[in-house]
């Protein structure tokens, strides 16, 4: 997935989640973001960023 396909909100959340190096940390950080940003549009962007970061951690390659 290239950056042109990722909207700016999702990209912002993905960059925040990049600090997570393990899936456990990713889950904790994602839950914190979900509490901080309760809007439905933000929740969708957080979910997509989580999926992308999980894939990055498992494969060791960048999504963007």
N, C-alpha and C. Protein backbone atom coordinates (compact mmCIF):
# COMPACT_ATOMS: atom_id res chain seq x y z
N UNK A 1 0.85 -1.17 0.00
CA UNK A 1 0.00 0.00 0.00
C UNK A 1 0.90 1.24 0.00
N UNK A 2 0.64 2.15 -0.87
CA UNK A 2 1.45 3.36 -0.94
C UNK A 2 0.79 4.48 -0.15
N UNK A 3 1.56 5.54 0.10
CA UNK A 3 1.03 6.66 0.89
C UNK A 3 -0.10 7.36 0.16
N UNK A 4 -0.18 7.26 -1.15
CA UNK A 4 -1.26 7.90 -1.89
C UNK A 4 -2.60 7.22 -1.61
N UNK A 5 -2.59 5.97 -1.21
CA UNK A 5 -3.81 5.25 -0.91
C UNK A 5 -4.23 5.40 0.55
N UNK A 6 -3.35 5.91 1.39
CA UNK A 6 -3.63 6.08 2.81
C UNK A 6 -3.98 7.54 3.06
N UNK A 7 -5.15 7.78 3.67
CA UNK A 7 -5.52 9.17 3.95
C UNK A 7 -4.64 9.73 5.07
N UNK A 8 -4.62 11.03 5.20
CA UNK A 8 -3.70 11.69 6.13
C UNK A 8 -3.97 11.32 7.59
N UNK A 9 -5.23 11.11 7.95
CA UNK A 9 -5.55 10.74 9.33
C UNK A 9 -4.99 9.36 9.65
N UNK A 10 -5.19 8.43 8.75
CA UNK A 10 -4.66 7.08 8.96
C UNK A 10 -3.14 7.11 9.01
N UNK A 11 -2.54 7.89 8.14
CA UNK A 11 -1.08 8.01 8.12
C UNK A 11 -0.57 8.56 9.44
N UNK A 12 -1.24 9.55 9.98
CA UNK A 12 -0.83 10.11 11.28
C UNK A 12 -0.87 9.05 12.36
N UNK A 13 -1.96 8.27 12.39
CA UNK A 13 -2.06 7.21 13.39
C UNK A 13 -1.02 6.12 13.16
N UNK A 14 -0.76 5.77 11.91
CA UNK A 14 0.25 4.76 11.60
C UNK A 14 1.62 5.20 12.09
N UNK A 15 1.94 6.46 11.87
CA UNK A 15 3.23 6.97 12.32
C UNK A 15 3.34 6.93 13.83
N UNK A 16 2.25 7.19 14.54
CA UNK A 16 2.25 7.09 16.00
C UNK A 16 2.45 5.64 16.43
N UNK A 17 1.79 4.72 15.73
CA UNK A 17 1.90 3.30 16.08
C UNK A 17 3.23 2.69 15.69
N UNK A 18 4.02 3.37 14.91
CA UNK A 18 5.33 2.86 14.52
C UNK A 18 6.26 2.70 15.71
N UNK A 19 5.95 3.37 16.81
CA UNK A 19 6.78 3.23 18.01
C UNK A 19 6.67 1.82 18.58
N UNK A 20 5.58 1.14 18.28
CA UNK A 20 5.38 -0.23 18.76
C UNK A 20 6.24 -1.20 17.95
N UNK A 21 7.02 -1.98 18.65
CA UNK A 21 7.89 -2.96 17.99
C UNK A 21 7.39 -4.39 18.17
N UNK A 22 6.41 -4.57 19.07
CA UNK A 22 5.84 -5.88 19.32
C UNK A 22 4.32 -5.78 19.30
N UNK A 23 3.66 -6.89 19.05
CA UNK A 23 2.20 -6.88 18.95
C UNK A 23 1.53 -6.49 20.27
N UNK A 24 2.10 -6.89 21.40
CA UNK A 24 1.52 -6.53 22.69
C UNK A 24 1.52 -5.02 22.88
N UNK A 25 2.63 -4.39 22.54
CA UNK A 25 2.74 -2.94 22.65
C UNK A 25 1.80 -2.26 21.67
N UNK A 26 1.68 -2.81 20.49
CA UNK A 26 0.78 -2.26 19.48
C UNK A 26 -0.66 -2.26 19.99
N UNK A 27 -1.06 -3.34 20.62
CA UNK A 27 -2.42 -3.43 21.14
C UNK A 27 -2.67 -2.38 22.23
N UNK A 28 -1.72 -2.21 23.12
CA UNK A 28 -1.86 -1.22 24.20
C UNK A 28 -1.95 0.19 23.62
N UNK A 29 -1.08 0.49 22.66
CA UNK A 29 -1.06 1.82 22.06
C UNK A 29 -2.36 2.08 21.28
N UNK A 30 -2.86 1.06 20.60
CA UNK A 30 -4.09 1.21 19.83
C UNK A 30 -5.27 1.48 20.75
N UNK A 31 -5.35 0.76 21.86
CA UNK A 31 -6.43 0.98 22.81
C UNK A 31 -6.38 2.41 23.37
N UNK A 32 -5.19 2.91 23.62
CA UNK A 32 -5.05 4.27 24.13
C UNK A 32 -5.51 5.29 23.09
N UNK A 33 -5.17 5.06 21.83
CA UNK A 33 -5.62 5.96 20.76
C UNK A 33 -7.14 5.92 20.61
N UNK A 34 -7.72 4.73 20.73
CA UNK A 34 -9.18 4.61 20.61
C UNK A 34 -9.90 5.37 21.72
N UNK A 35 -9.32 5.37 22.93
CA UNK A 35 -9.92 6.13 24.02
C UNK A 35 -9.76 7.63 23.81
N UNK A 36 -8.63 8.04 23.27
CA UNK A 36 -8.34 9.46 23.08
C UNK A 36 -9.12 10.07 21.91
N UNK A 37 -9.39 9.27 20.88
CA UNK A 37 -10.07 9.75 19.67
C UNK A 37 -11.36 8.94 19.45
N UNK A 38 -12.46 9.33 20.10
CA UNK A 38 -13.69 8.53 20.04
C UNK A 38 -14.55 8.71 18.78
N UNK A 39 -14.23 9.67 17.92
CA UNK A 39 -15.05 9.86 16.71
C UNK A 39 -14.99 8.63 15.81
N UNK A 40 -16.10 8.32 15.17
CA UNK A 40 -16.18 7.14 14.31
C UNK A 40 -15.16 7.19 13.18
N UNK A 41 -14.95 8.37 12.60
CA UNK A 41 -13.98 8.48 11.51
C UNK A 41 -12.56 8.20 12.01
N UNK A 42 -12.25 8.67 13.21
CA UNK A 42 -10.94 8.39 13.78
C UNK A 42 -10.80 6.91 14.13
N UNK A 43 -11.89 6.31 14.62
CA UNK A 43 -11.85 4.89 14.97
C UNK A 43 -11.53 4.04 13.75
N UNK A 44 -12.11 4.39 12.61
CA UNK A 44 -11.83 3.66 11.37
C UNK A 44 -10.39 3.83 10.94
N UNK A 45 -9.88 5.04 11.07
CA UNK A 45 -8.48 5.30 10.70
C UNK A 45 -7.53 4.57 11.64
N UNK A 46 -7.86 4.52 12.92
CA UNK A 46 -7.03 3.80 13.89
C UNK A 46 -7.03 2.31 13.57
N UNK A 47 -8.19 1.77 13.24
CA UNK A 47 -8.27 0.34 12.90
C UNK A 47 -7.42 0.00 11.68
N UNK A 48 -7.48 0.84 10.66
CA UNK A 48 -6.67 0.60 9.47
C UNK A 48 -5.19 0.73 9.78
N UNK A 49 -4.82 1.73 10.58
CA UNK A 49 -3.42 1.92 10.96
C UNK A 49 -2.93 0.71 11.75
N UNK A 50 -3.79 0.16 12.61
CA UNK A 50 -3.43 -1.03 13.38
C UNK A 50 -3.14 -2.21 12.46
N UNK A 51 -4.02 -2.42 11.49
CA UNK A 51 -3.84 -3.52 10.54
C UNK A 51 -2.52 -3.36 9.78
N UNK A 52 -2.25 -2.15 9.32
CA UNK A 52 -1.02 -1.90 8.57
C UNK A 52 0.21 -2.12 9.44
N UNK A 53 0.18 -1.62 10.68
CA UNK A 53 1.33 -1.78 11.56
C UNK A 53 1.52 -3.23 11.97
N UNK A 54 0.43 -3.95 12.20
CA UNK A 54 0.53 -5.37 12.53
C UNK A 54 1.21 -6.12 11.39
N UNK A 55 0.83 -5.80 10.18
CA UNK A 55 1.44 -6.44 9.00
C UNK A 55 2.93 -6.10 8.93
N UNK A 56 3.27 -4.85 9.22
CA UNK A 56 4.68 -4.44 9.21
C UNK A 56 5.49 -5.22 10.23
N UNK A 57 4.93 -5.37 11.43
CA UNK A 57 5.65 -6.09 12.49
C UNK A 57 5.84 -7.56 12.10
N UNK A 58 4.80 -8.18 11.57
CA UNK A 58 4.88 -9.61 11.21
C UNK A 58 5.80 -9.87 10.04
N UNK A 59 5.80 -8.97 9.04
CA UNK A 59 6.60 -9.21 7.84
C UNK A 59 7.96 -8.52 7.87
N UNK A 60 8.09 -7.50 8.70
CA UNK A 60 9.35 -6.77 8.77
C UNK A 60 9.53 -5.79 7.62
N UNK A 61 8.45 -5.49 6.90
CA UNK A 61 8.53 -4.53 5.79
C UNK A 61 7.58 -3.36 6.04
N UNK A 62 7.89 -2.24 5.43
CA UNK A 62 7.11 -1.02 5.60
C UNK A 62 5.86 -1.04 4.71
N UNK A 63 4.76 -0.47 5.23
CA UNK A 63 3.53 -0.35 4.46
C UNK A 63 3.58 0.82 3.50
N UNK A 64 4.40 1.79 3.82
CA UNK A 64 4.46 3.00 3.00
C UNK A 64 5.84 3.21 2.43
